[in-house]
Amino acid sequence: LGKKKLAQLFTETVNPKEVIRRQKA
């Protein structure tokens, strides 16, 4: 499931606020 989630991080577009949340994480 982790590998699939990593693939989703790169293939799915999310809104700017979510990108900022990811950056901080």
mmCIF file of all heavy atoms, coordinates in Angstrom:
data_MODEL
# 
_entry.id   MODEL 
# 
loop_
_atom_site.group_PDB 
_atom_site.id 
_atom_site.type_symbol 
_atom_site.label_atom_id 
_atom_site.label_alt_id 
_atom_site.label_comp_id 
_atom_site.label_asym_id 
_atom_site.label_entity_id 
_atom_site.label_seq_id 
_atom_site.pdbx_PDB_ins_code 
_atom_site.Cartn_x 
_atom_site.Cartn_y 
_atom_site.Cartn_z 
_atom_site.occupancy 
_atom_site.B_iso_or_equiv 
_atom_site.pdbx_formal_charge 
_atom_site.auth_seq_id 
_atom_site.auth_comp_id 
_atom_site.auth_asym_id 
_atom_site.auth_atom_id 
_atom_site.pdbx_PDB_model_num 
ATOM 1   N N   . LEU A 1 1  ? 0.830  -1.204 0.000   1.00 0.00 ? 1  LEU A N   1 
ATOM 2   C CA  . LEU A 1 1  ? 0.000  0.000  0.000   1.00 0.00 ? 1  LEU A CA  1 
ATOM 3   C C   . LEU A 1 1  ? 0.866  1.256  0.000   1.00 0.00 ? 1  LEU A C   1 
ATOM 4   O O   . LEU A 1 1  ? 0.496  2.277  -0.585  1.00 0.00 ? 1  LEU A O   1 
ATOM 5   C CB  . LEU A 1 1  ? -0.933 0.006  1.219   1.00 0.00 ? 1  LEU A CB  1 
ATOM 6   C CG  . LEU A 1 1  ? -1.992 -1.108 1.265   1.00 0.00 ? 1  LEU A CG  1 
ATOM 7   C CD1 . LEU A 1 1  ? -2.804 -1.012 2.557   1.00 0.00 ? 1  LEU A CD1 1 
ATOM 8   C CD2 . LEU A 1 1  ? -2.913 -1.031 0.062   1.00 0.00 ? 1  LEU A CD2 1 
ATOM 9   N N   . GLY A 1 2  ? 2.020  1.196  0.640   1.00 0.00 ? 2  GLY A N   1 
ATOM 10  C CA  . GLY A 1 2  ? 2.921  2.346  0.668   1.00 0.00 ? 2  GLY A CA  1 
ATOM 11  C C   . GLY A 1 2  ? 3.436  2.692  -0.717  1.00 0.00 ? 2  GLY A C   1 
ATOM 12  O O   . GLY A 1 2  ? 3.531  3.865  -1.081  1.00 0.00 ? 2  GLY A O   1 
ATOM 13  N N   . LYS A 1 3  ? 3.759  1.665  -1.495  1.00 0.00 ? 3  LYS A N   1 
ATOM 14  C CA  . LYS A 1 3  ? 4.234  1.897  -2.855  1.00 0.00 ? 3  LYS A CA  1 
ATOM 15  C C   . LYS A 1 3  ? 3.142  2.547  -3.703  1.00 0.00 ? 3  LYS A C   1 
ATOM 16  O O   . LYS A 1 3  ? 3.410  3.464  -4.489  1.00 0.00 ? 3  LYS A O   1 
ATOM 17  C CB  . LYS A 1 3  ? 4.674  0.571  -3.482  1.00 0.00 ? 3  LYS A CB  1 
ATOM 18  C CG  . LYS A 1 3  ? 5.282  0.709  -4.870  1.00 0.00 ? 3  LYS A CG  1 
ATOM 19  C CD  . LYS A 1 3  ? 5.896  -0.598 -5.361  1.00 0.00 ? 3  LYS A CD  1 
ATOM 20  C CE  . LYS A 1 3  ? 4.831  -1.614 -5.711  1.00 0.00 ? 3  LYS A CE  1 
ATOM 21  N NZ  . LYS A 1 3  ? 5.398  -2.789 -6.422  1.00 0.00 ? 3  LYS A NZ  1 
ATOM 22  N N   . LYS A 1 4  ? 1.911  2.087  -3.529  1.00 0.00 ? 4  LYS A N   1 
ATOM 23  C CA  . LYS A 1 4  ? 0.798  2.675  -4.277  1.00 0.00 ? 4  LYS A CA  1 
ATOM 24  C C   . LYS A 1 4  ? 0.565  4.131  -3.873  1.00 0.00 ? 4  LYS A C   1 
ATOM 25  O O   . LYS A 1 4  ? 0.281  4.987  -4.719  1.00 0.00 ? 4  LYS A O   1 
ATOM 26  C CB  . LYS A 1 4  ? -0.473 1.850  -4.053  1.00 0.00 ? 4  LYS A CB  1 
ATOM 27  C CG  . LYS A 1 4  ? -0.428 0.473  -4.686  1.00 0.00 ? 4  LYS A CG  1 
ATOM 28  C CD  . LYS A 1 4  ? -1.709 -0.305 -4.424  1.00 0.00 ? 4  LYS A CD  1 
ATOM 29  C CE  . LYS A 1 4  ? -1.652 -1.674 -5.108  1.00 0.00 ? 4  LYS A CE  1 
ATOM 30  N NZ  . LYS A 1 4  ? -2.861 -2.472 -4.856  1.00 0.00 ? 4  LYS A NZ  1 
ATOM 31  N N   . LYS A 1 5  ? 0.698  4.399  -2.583  1.00 0.00 ? 5  LYS A N   1 
ATOM 32  C CA  . LYS A 1 5  ? 0.508  5.771  -2.103  1.00 0.00 ? 5  LYS A CA  1 
ATOM 33  C C   . LYS A 1 5  ? 1.594  6.699  -2.642  1.00 0.00 ? 5  LYS A C   1 
ATOM 34  O O   . LYS A 1 5  ? 1.332  7.861  -2.981  1.00 0.00 ? 5  LYS A O   1 
ATOM 35  C CB  . LYS A 1 5  ? 0.503  5.799  -0.573  1.00 0.00 ? 5  LYS A CB  1 
ATOM 36  C CG  . LYS A 1 5  ? -0.732 5.193  0.063   1.00 0.00 ? 5  LYS A CG  1 
ATOM 37  C CD  . LYS A 1 5  ? -1.965 6.032  -0.202  1.00 0.00 ? 5  LYS A CD  1 
ATOM 38  C CE  . LYS A 1 5  ? -3.185 5.492  0.519   1.00 0.00 ? 5  LYS A CE  1 
ATOM 39  N NZ  . LYS A 1 5  ? -4.378 6.345  0.320   1.00 0.00 ? 5  LYS A NZ  1 
ATOM 40  N N   . LEU A 1 6  ? 2.818  6.193  -2.742  1.00 0.00 ? 6  LEU A N   1 
ATOM 41  C CA  . LEU A 1 6  ? 3.899  7.006  -3.288  1.00 0.00 ? 6  LEU A CA  1 
ATOM 42  C C   . LEU A 1 6  ? 3.638  7.322  -4.756  1.00 0.00 ? 6  LEU A C   1 
ATOM 43  O O   . LEU A 1 6  ? 3.850  8.449  -5.210  1.00 0.00 ? 6  LEU A O   1 
ATOM 44  C CB  . LEU A 1 6  ? 5.236  6.283  -3.132  1.00 0.00 ? 6  LEU A CB  1 
ATOM 45  C CG  . LEU A 1 6  ? 6.466  7.042  -3.638  1.00 0.00 ? 6  LEU A CG  1 
ATOM 46  C CD1 . LEU A 1 6  ? 6.638  8.362  -2.880  1.00 0.00 ? 6  LEU A CD1 1 
ATOM 47  C CD2 . LEU A 1 6  ? 7.723  6.182  -3.510  1.00 0.00 ? 6  LEU A CD2 1 
ATOM 48  N N   . ALA A 1 7  ? 3.156  6.323  -5.498  1.00 0.00 ? 7  ALA A N   1 
ATOM 49  C CA  . ALA A 1 7  ? 2.806  6.559  -6.902  1.00 0.00 ? 7  ALA A CA  1 
ATOM 50  C C   . ALA A 1 7  ? 1.712  7.616  -7.016  1.00 0.00 ? 7  ALA A C   1 
ATOM 51  O O   . ALA A 1 7  ? 1.754  8.480  -7.901  1.00 0.00 ? 7  ALA A O   1 
ATOM 52  C CB  . ALA A 1 7  ? 2.360  5.252  -7.549  1.00 0.00 ? 7  ALA A CB  1 
ATOM 53  N N   . GLN A 1 8  ? 0.755  7.588  -6.105  1.00 0.00 ? 8  GLN A N   1 
ATOM 54  C CA  . GLN A 1 8  ? -0.332 8.577  -6.134  1.00 0.00 ? 8  GLN A CA  1 
ATOM 55  C C   . GLN A 1 8  ? 0.176  9.978  -5.843  1.00 0.00 ? 8  GLN A C   1 
ATOM 56  O O   . GLN A 1 8  ? -0.328 10.958 -6.398  1.00 0.00 ? 8  GLN A O   1 
ATOM 57  C CB  . GLN A 1 8  ? -1.408 8.191  -5.107  1.00 0.00 ? 8  GLN A CB  1 
ATOM 58  C CG  . GLN A 1 8  ? -2.241 6.981  -5.510  1.00 0.00 ? 8  GLN A CG  1 
ATOM 59  C CD  . GLN A 1 8  ? -3.248 6.598  -4.445  1.00 0.00 ? 8  GLN A CD  1 
ATOM 60  O OE1 . GLN A 1 8  ? -3.494 7.342  -3.503  1.00 0.00 ? 8  GLN A OE1 1 
ATOM 61  N NE2 . GLN A 1 8  ? -3.836 5.417  -4.591  1.00 0.00 ? 8  GLN A NE2 1 
ATOM 62  N N   . LEU A 1 9  ? 1.180  10.096 -4.972  1.00 0.00 ? 9  LEU A N   1 
ATOM 63  C CA  . LEU A 1 9  ? 1.740  11.411 -4.675  1.00 0.00 ? 9  LEU A CA  1 
ATOM 64  C C   . LEU A 1 9  ? 2.238  12.109 -5.935  1.00 0.00 ? 9  LEU A C   1 
ATOM 65  O O   . LEU A 1 9  ? 2.155  13.332 -6.056  1.00 0.00 ? 9  LEU A O   1 
ATOM 66  C CB  . LEU A 1 9  ? 2.905  11.283 -3.683  1.00 0.00 ? 9  LEU A CB  1 
ATOM 67  C CG  . LEU A 1 9  ? 2.572  11.057 -2.207  1.00 0.00 ? 9  LEU A CG  1 
ATOM 68  C CD1 . LEU A 1 9  ? 3.852  10.961 -1.398  1.00 0.00 ? 9  LEU A CD1 1 
ATOM 69  C CD2 . LEU A 1 9  ? 1.687  12.165 -1.648  1.00 0.00 ? 9  LEU A CD2 1 
ATOM 70  N N   . PHE A 1 10 ? 2.745  11.304 -6.886  1.00 0.00 ? 10 PHE A N   1 
ATOM 71  C CA  . PHE A 1 10 ? 3.326  11.875 -8.102  1.00 0.00 ? 10 PHE A CA  1 
ATOM 72  C C   . PHE A 1 10 ? 2.345  11.949 -9.262  1.00 0.00 ? 10 PHE A C   1 
ATOM 73  O O   . PHE A 1 10 ? 2.600  12.666 -10.231 1.00 0.00 ? 10 PHE A O   1 
ATOM 74  C CB  . PHE A 1 10 ? 4.544  11.057 -8.522  1.00 0.00 ? 10 PHE A CB  1 
ATOM 75  C CG  . PHE A 1 10 ? 5.726  11.246 -7.621  1.00 0.00 ? 10 PHE A CG  1 
ATOM 76  C CD1 . PHE A 1 10 ? 6.083  10.272 -6.714  1.00 0.00 ? 10 PHE A CD1 1 
ATOM 77  C CD2 . PHE A 1 10 ? 6.470  12.410 -7.670  1.00 0.00 ? 10 PHE A CD2 1 
ATOM 78  C CE1 . PHE A 1 10 ? 7.161  10.445 -5.868  1.00 0.00 ? 10 PHE A CE1 1 
ATOM 79  C CE2 . PHE A 1 10 ? 7.558  12.601 -6.832  1.00 0.00 ? 10 PHE A CE2 1 
ATOM 80  C CZ  . PHE A 1 10 ? 7.907  11.603 -5.924  1.00 0.00 ? 10 PHE A CZ  1 
ATOM 81  N N   . THR A 1 11 ? 1.254  11.221 -9.203  1.00 0.00 ? 11 THR A N   1 
ATOM 82  C CA  . THR A 1 11 ? 0.355  11.159 -10.357 1.00 0.00 ? 11 THR A CA  1 
ATOM 83  C C   . THR A 1 11 ? -0.965 11.890 -10.151 1.00 0.00 ? 11 THR A C   1 
ATOM 84  O O   . THR A 1 11 ? -1.711 12.067 -11.103 1.00 0.00 ? 11 THR A O   1 
ATOM 85  C CB  . THR A 1 11 ? 0.056  9.697  -10.729 1.00 0.00 ? 11 THR A CB  1 
ATOM 86  O OG1 . THR A 1 11 ? -0.448 8.999  -9.582  1.00 0.00 ? 11 THR A OG1 1 
ATOM 87  C CG2 . THR A 1 11 ? 1.314  8.995  -11.231 1.00 0.00 ? 11 THR A CG2 1 
ATOM 88  N N   . GLU A 1 12 ? -1.254 12.298 -8.926  1.00 0.00 ? 12 GLU A N   1 
ATOM 89  C CA  . GLU A 1 12 ? -2.513 12.996 -8.659  1.00 0.00 ? 12 GLU A CA  1 
ATOM 90  C C   . GLU A 1 12 ? -2.248 14.467 -8.331  1.00 0.00 ? 12 GLU A C   1 
ATOM 91  O O   . GLU A 1 12 ? -1.348 14.788 -7.553  1.00 0.00 ? 12 GLU A O   1 
ATOM 92  C CB  . GLU A 1 12 ? -3.260 12.341 -7.493  1.00 0.00 ? 12 GLU A CB  1 
ATOM 93  C CG  . GLU A 1 12 ? -3.737 10.928 -7.805  1.00 0.00 ? 12 GLU A CG  1 
ATOM 94  C CD  . GLU A 1 12 ? -4.485 10.299 -6.658  1.00 0.00 ? 12 GLU A CD  1 
ATOM 95  O OE1 . GLU A 1 12 ? -4.527 10.897 -5.562  1.00 0.00 ? 12 GLU A OE1 1 
ATOM 96  O OE2 . GLU A 1 12 ? -5.023 9.193  -6.840  1.00 0.00 ? 12 GLU A OE2 1 
ATOM 97  N N   . THR A 1 13 ? -3.033 15.340 -8.933  1.00 0.00 ? 13 THR A N   1 
ATOM 98  C CA  . THR A 1 13 ? -2.908 16.771 -8.666  1.00 0.00 ? 13 THR A CA  1 
ATOM 99  C C   . THR A 1 13 ? -3.757 17.150 -7.464  1.00 0.00 ? 13 THR A C   1 
ATOM 100 O O   . THR A 1 13 ? -4.932 16.782 -7.387  1.00 0.00 ? 13 THR A O   1 
ATOM 101 C CB  . THR A 1 13 ? -3.359 17.599 -9.886  1.00 0.00 ? 13 THR A CB  1 
ATOM 102 O OG1 . THR A 1 13 ? -2.603 17.186 -11.033 1.00 0.00 ? 13 THR A OG1 1 
ATOM 103 C CG2 . THR A 1 13 ? -3.150 19.076 -9.645  1.00 0.00 ? 13 THR A CG2 1 
ATOM 104 N N   . VAL A 1 14 ? -3.160 17.860 -6.519  1.00 0.00 ? 14 VAL A N   1 
ATOM 105 C CA  . VAL A 1 14 ? -3.914 18.316 -5.343  1.00 0.00 ? 14 VAL A CA  1 
ATOM 106 C C   . VAL A 1 14 ? -3.843 19.837 -5.264  1.00 0.00 ? 14 VAL A C   1 
ATOM 107 O O   . VAL A 1 14 ? -3.032 20.476 -5.946  1.00 0.00 ? 14 VAL A O   1 
ATOM 108 C CB  . VAL A 1 14 ? -3.362 17.686 -4.041  1.00 0.00 ? 14 VAL A CB  1 
ATOM 109 C CG1 . VAL A 1 14 ? -3.597 16.184 -4.039  1.00 0.00 ? 14 VAL A CG1 1 
ATOM 110 C CG2 . VAL A 1 14 ? -1.880 17.984 -3.869  1.00 0.00 ? 14 VAL A CG2 1 
ATOM 111 N N   . ASN A 1 15 ? -4.676 20.407 -4.428  1.00 0.00 ? 15 ASN A N   1 
ATOM 112 C CA  . ASN A 1 15 ? -4.756 21.873 -4.335  1.00 0.00 ? 15 ASN A CA  1 
ATOM 113 C C   . ASN A 1 15 ? -3.523 22.436 -3.609  1.00 0.00 ? 15 ASN A C   1 
ATOM 114 O O   . ASN A 1 15 ? -2.803 21.709 -2.917  1.00 0.00 ? 15 ASN A O   1 
ATOM 115 C CB  . ASN A 1 15 ? -6.055 22.294 -3.632  1.00 0.00 ? 15 ASN A CB  1 
ATOM 116 C CG  . ASN A 1 15 ? -6.135 21.768 -2.201  1.00 0.00 ? 15 ASN A CG  1 
ATOM 117 O OD1 . ASN A 1 15 ? -5.268 22.037 -1.379  1.00 0.00 ? 15 ASN A OD1 1 
ATOM 118 N ND2 . ASN A 1 15 ? -7.171 20.994 -1.907  1.00 0.00 ? 15 ASN A ND2 1 
ATOM 119 N N   . PRO A 1 16 ? -3.278 23.728 -3.769  1.00 0.00 ? 16 PRO A N   1 
ATOM 120 C CA  . PRO A 1 16 ? -2.079 24.348 -3.174  1.00 0.00 ? 16 PRO A CA  1 
ATOM 121 C C   . PRO A 1 16 ? -1.948 24.139 -1.668  1.00 0.00 ? 16 PRO A C   1 
ATOM 122 O O   . PRO A 1 16 ? -0.845 23.913 -1.162  1.00 0.00 ? 16 PRO A O   1 
ATOM 123 C CB  . PRO A 1 16 ? -2.259 25.834 -3.512  1.00 0.00 ? 16 PRO A CB  1 
ATOM 124 C CG  . PRO A 1 16 ? -3.067 25.828 -4.770  1.00 0.00 ? 16 PRO A CG  1 
ATOM 125 C CD  . PRO A 1 16 ? -4.015 24.678 -4.627  1.00 0.00 ? 16 PRO A CD  1 
ATOM 126 N N   . LYS A 1 17 ? -3.060 24.202 -0.937  1.00 0.00 ? 17 LYS A N   1 
ATOM 127 C CA  . LYS A 1 17 ? -2.997 24.027 0.513   1.00 0.00 ? 17 LYS A CA  1 
ATOM 128 C C   . LYS A 1 17 ? -2.491 22.634 0.884   1.00 0.00 ? 17 LYS A C   1 
ATOM 129 O O   . LYS A 1 17 ? -1.724 22.470 1.843   1.00 0.00 ? 17 LYS A O   1 
ATOM 130 C CB  . LYS A 1 17 ? -4.372 24.285 1.132   1.00 0.00 ? 17 LYS A CB  1 
ATOM 131 C CG  . LYS A 1 17 ? -4.808 25.748 1.080   1.00 0.00 ? 17 LYS A CG  1 
ATOM 132 C CD  . LYS A 1 17 ? -6.165 25.952 1.738   1.00 0.00 ? 17 LYS A CD  1 
ATOM 133 C CE  . LYS A 1 17 ? -6.581 27.429 1.668   1.00 0.00 ? 17 LYS A CE  1 
ATOM 134 N NZ  . LYS A 1 17 ? -7.919 27.650 2.277   1.00 0.00 ? 17 LYS A NZ  1 
ATOM 135 N N   . GLU A 1 18 ? -2.928 21.634 0.122   1.00 0.00 ? 18 GLU A N   1 
ATOM 136 C CA  . GLU A 1 18 ? -2.494 20.262 0.404   1.00 0.00 ? 18 GLU A CA  1 
ATOM 137 C C   . GLU A 1 18 ? -1.013 20.092 0.082   1.00 0.00 ? 18 GLU A C   1 
ATOM 138 O O   . GLU A 1 18 ? -0.291 19.379 0.785   1.00 0.00 ? 18 GLU A O   1 
ATOM 139 C CB  . GLU A 1 18 ? -3.334 19.257 -0.392  1.00 0.00 ? 18 GLU A CB  1 
ATOM 140 C CG  . GLU A 1 18 ? -3.037 17.799 -0.088  1.00 0.00 ? 18 GLU A CG  1 
ATOM 141 C CD  . GLU A 1 18 ? -3.316 17.408 1.359   1.00 0.00 ? 18 GLU A CD  1 
ATOM 142 O OE1 . GLU A 1 18 ? -4.105 18.115 2.031   1.00 0.00 ? 18 GLU A OE1 1 
ATOM 143 O OE2 . GLU A 1 18 ? -2.735 16.413 1.819   1.00 0.00 ? 18 GLU A OE2 1 
ATOM 144 N N   . VAL A 1 19 ? -0.550 20.743 -0.982  1.00 0.00 ? 19 VAL A N   1 
ATOM 145 C CA  . VAL A 1 19 ? 0.880  20.676 -1.308  1.00 0.00 ? 19 VAL A CA  1 
ATOM 146 C C   . VAL A 1 19 ? 1.708  21.282 -0.172  1.00 0.00 ? 19 VAL A C   1 
ATOM 147 O O   . VAL A 1 19 ? 2.745  20.728 0.216   1.00 0.00 ? 19 VAL A O   1 
ATOM 148 C CB  . VAL A 1 19 ? 1.175  21.404 -2.635  1.00 0.00 ? 19 VAL A CB  1 
ATOM 149 C CG1 . VAL A 1 19 ? 2.679  21.514 -2.868  1.00 0.00 ? 19 VAL A CG1 1 
ATOM 150 C CG2 . VAL A 1 19 ? 0.521  20.678 -3.801  1.00 0.00 ? 19 VAL A CG2 1 
ATOM 151 N N   . ILE A 1 20 ? 1.259  22.396 0.372   1.00 0.00 ? 20 ILE A N   1 
ATOM 152 C CA  . ILE A 1 20 ? 1.970  23.036 1.485   1.00 0.00 ? 20 ILE A CA  1 
ATOM 153 C C   . ILE A 1 20 ? 1.993  22.106 2.700   1.00 0.00 ? 20 ILE A C   1 
ATOM 154 O O   . ILE A 1 20 ? 3.015  21.985 3.392   1.00 0.00 ? 20 ILE A O   1 
ATOM 155 C CB  . ILE A 1 20 ? 1.321  24.388 1.838   1.00 0.00 ? 20 ILE A CB  1 
ATOM 156 C CG1 . ILE A 1 20 ? 1.524  25.376 0.685   1.00 0.00 ? 20 ILE A CG1 1 
ATOM 157 C CG2 . ILE A 1 20 ? 1.893  24.953 3.132   1.00 0.00 ? 20 ILE A CG2 1 
ATOM 158 C CD1 . ILE A 1 20 ? 0.762  26.681 0.836   1.00 0.00 ? 20 ILE A CD1 1 
ATOM 159 N N   . ARG A 1 21 ? 0.856  21.442 2.955   1.00 0.00 ? 21 ARG A N   1 
ATOM 160 C CA  . ARG A 1 21 ? 0.804  20.473 4.067   1.00 0.00 ? 21 ARG A CA  1 
ATOM 161 C C   . ARG A 1 21 ? 1.795  19.328 3.841   1.00 0.00 ? 21 ARG A C   1 
ATOM 162 O O   . ARG A 1 21 ? 2.462  18.871 4.769   1.00 0.00 ? 21 ARG A O   1 
ATOM 163 C CB  . ARG A 1 21 ? -0.623 19.930 4.216   1.00 0.00 ? 21 ARG A CB  1 
ATOM 164 C CG  . ARG A 1 21 ? -1.513 20.825 5.065   1.00 0.00 ? 21 ARG A CG  1 
ATOM 165 C CD  . ARG A 1 21 ? -2.989 20.569 4.889   1.00 0.00 ? 21 ARG A CD  1 
ATOM 166 N NE  . ARG A 1 21 ? -3.391 19.208 4.802   1.00 0.00 ? 21 ARG A NE  1 
ATOM 167 C CZ  . ARG A 1 21 ? -3.829 18.442 5.828   1.00 0.00 ? 21 ARG A CZ  1 
ATOM 168 N NH1 . ARG A 1 21 ? -3.838 18.960 7.051   1.00 0.00 ? 21 ARG A NH1 1 
ATOM 169 N NH2 . ARG A 1 21 ? -4.229 17.212 5.640   1.00 0.00 ? 21 ARG A NH2 1 
ATOM 170 N N   . ARG A 1 22 ? 1.883  18.876 2.606   1.00 0.00 ? 22 ARG A N   1 
ATOM 171 C CA  . ARG A 1 22 ? 2.838  17.809 2.288   1.00 0.00 ? 22 ARG A CA  1 
ATOM 172 C C   . ARG A 1 22 ? 4.274  18.290 2.495   1.00 0.00 ? 22 ARG A C   1 
ATOM 173 O O   . ARG A 1 22 ? 5.119  17.564 3.026   1.00 0.00 ? 22 ARG A O   1 
ATOM 174 C CB  . ARG A 1 22 ? 2.644  17.346 0.844   1.00 0.00 ? 22 ARG A CB  1 
ATOM 175 C CG  . ARG A 1 22 ? 1.400  16.508 0.609   1.00 0.00 ? 22 ARG A CG  1 
ATOM 176 C CD  . ARG A 1 22 ? 1.281  16.121 -0.862  1.00 0.00 ? 22 ARG A CD  1 
ATOM 177 N NE  . ARG A 1 22 ? 0.108  15.294 -1.112  1.00 0.00 ? 22 ARG A NE  1 
ATOM 178 C CZ  . ARG A 1 22 ? -0.253 14.835 -2.307  1.00 0.00 ? 22 ARG A CZ  1 
ATOM 179 N NH1 . ARG A 1 22 ? 0.482  15.151 -3.375  1.00 0.00 ? 22 ARG A NH1 1 
ATOM 180 N NH2 . ARG A 1 22 ? -1.332 14.084 -2.452  1.00 0.00 ? 22 ARG A NH2 1 
ATOM 181 N N   . GLN A 1 23 ? 4.555  19.515 2.045   1.00 0.00 ? 23 GLN A N   1 
ATOM 182 C CA  . GLN A 1 23 ? 5.903  20.066 2.201   1.00 0.00 ? 23 GLN A CA  1 
ATOM 183 C C   . GLN A 1 23 ? 6.315  20.093 3.669   1.00 0.00 ? 23 GLN A C   1 
ATOM 184 O O   . GLN A 1 23 ? 7.439  19.689 4.018   1.00 0.00 ? 23 GLN A O   1 
ATOM 185 C CB  . GLN A 1 23 ? 5.960  21.481 1.629   1.00 0.00 ? 23 GLN A CB  1 
ATOM 186 C CG  . GLN A 1 23 ? 5.973  21.568 0.114   1.00 0.00 ? 23 GLN A CG  1 
ATOM 187 C CD  . GLN A 1 23 ? 6.053  23.002 -0.378  1.00 0.00 ? 23 GLN A CD  1 
ATOM 188 O OE1 . GLN A 1 23 ? 5.704  23.944 0.341   1.00 0.00 ? 23 GLN A OE1 1 
ATOM 189 N NE2 . GLN A 1 23 ? 6.541  23.180 -1.590  1.00 0.00 ? 23 GLN A NE2 1 
ATOM 190 N N   . LYS A 1 24 ? 5.425  20.560 4.520   1.00 0.00 ? 24 LYS A N   1 
ATOM 191 C CA  . LYS A 1 24 ? 5.748  20.654 5.950   1.00 0.00 ? 24 LYS A CA  1 
ATOM 192 C C   . LYS A 1 24 ? 5.935  19.268 6.565   1.00 0.00 ? 24 LYS A C   1 
ATOM 193 O O   . LYS A 1 24 ? 6.821  19.079 7.424   1.00 0.00 ? 24 LYS A O   1 
ATOM 194 C CB  . LYS A 1 24 ? 4.650  21.427 6.674   1.00 0.00 ? 24 LYS A CB  1 
ATOM 195 C CG  . LYS A 1 24 ? 4.616  22.904 6.308   1.00 0.00 ? 24 LYS A CG  1 
ATOM 196 C CD  . LYS A 1 24 ? 3.506  23.646 7.043   1.00 0.00 ? 24 LYS A CD  1 
ATOM 197 C CE  . LYS A 1 24 ? 3.513  25.140 6.689   1.00 0.00 ? 24 LYS A CE  1 
ATOM 198 N NZ  . LYS A 1 24 ? 2.407  25.860 7.357   1.00 0.00 ? 24 LYS A NZ  1 
ATOM 199 N N   . ALA A 1 25 ? 5.117  18.313 6.122   1.00 0.00 ? 25 ALA A N   1 
ATOM 200 C CA  . ALA A 1 25 ? 5.259  16.939 6.626   1.00 0.00 ? 25 ALA A CA  1 
ATOM 201 C C   . ALA A 1 25 ? 6.586  16.335 6.177   1.00 0.00 ? 25 ALA A C   1 
ATOM 202 O O   . ALA A 1 25 ? 7.300  15.699 6.968   1.00 0.00 ? 25 ALA A O   1 
ATOM 203 C CB  . ALA A 1 25 ? 4.093  16.088 6.136   1.00 0.00 ? 25 ALA A CB  1 
# 
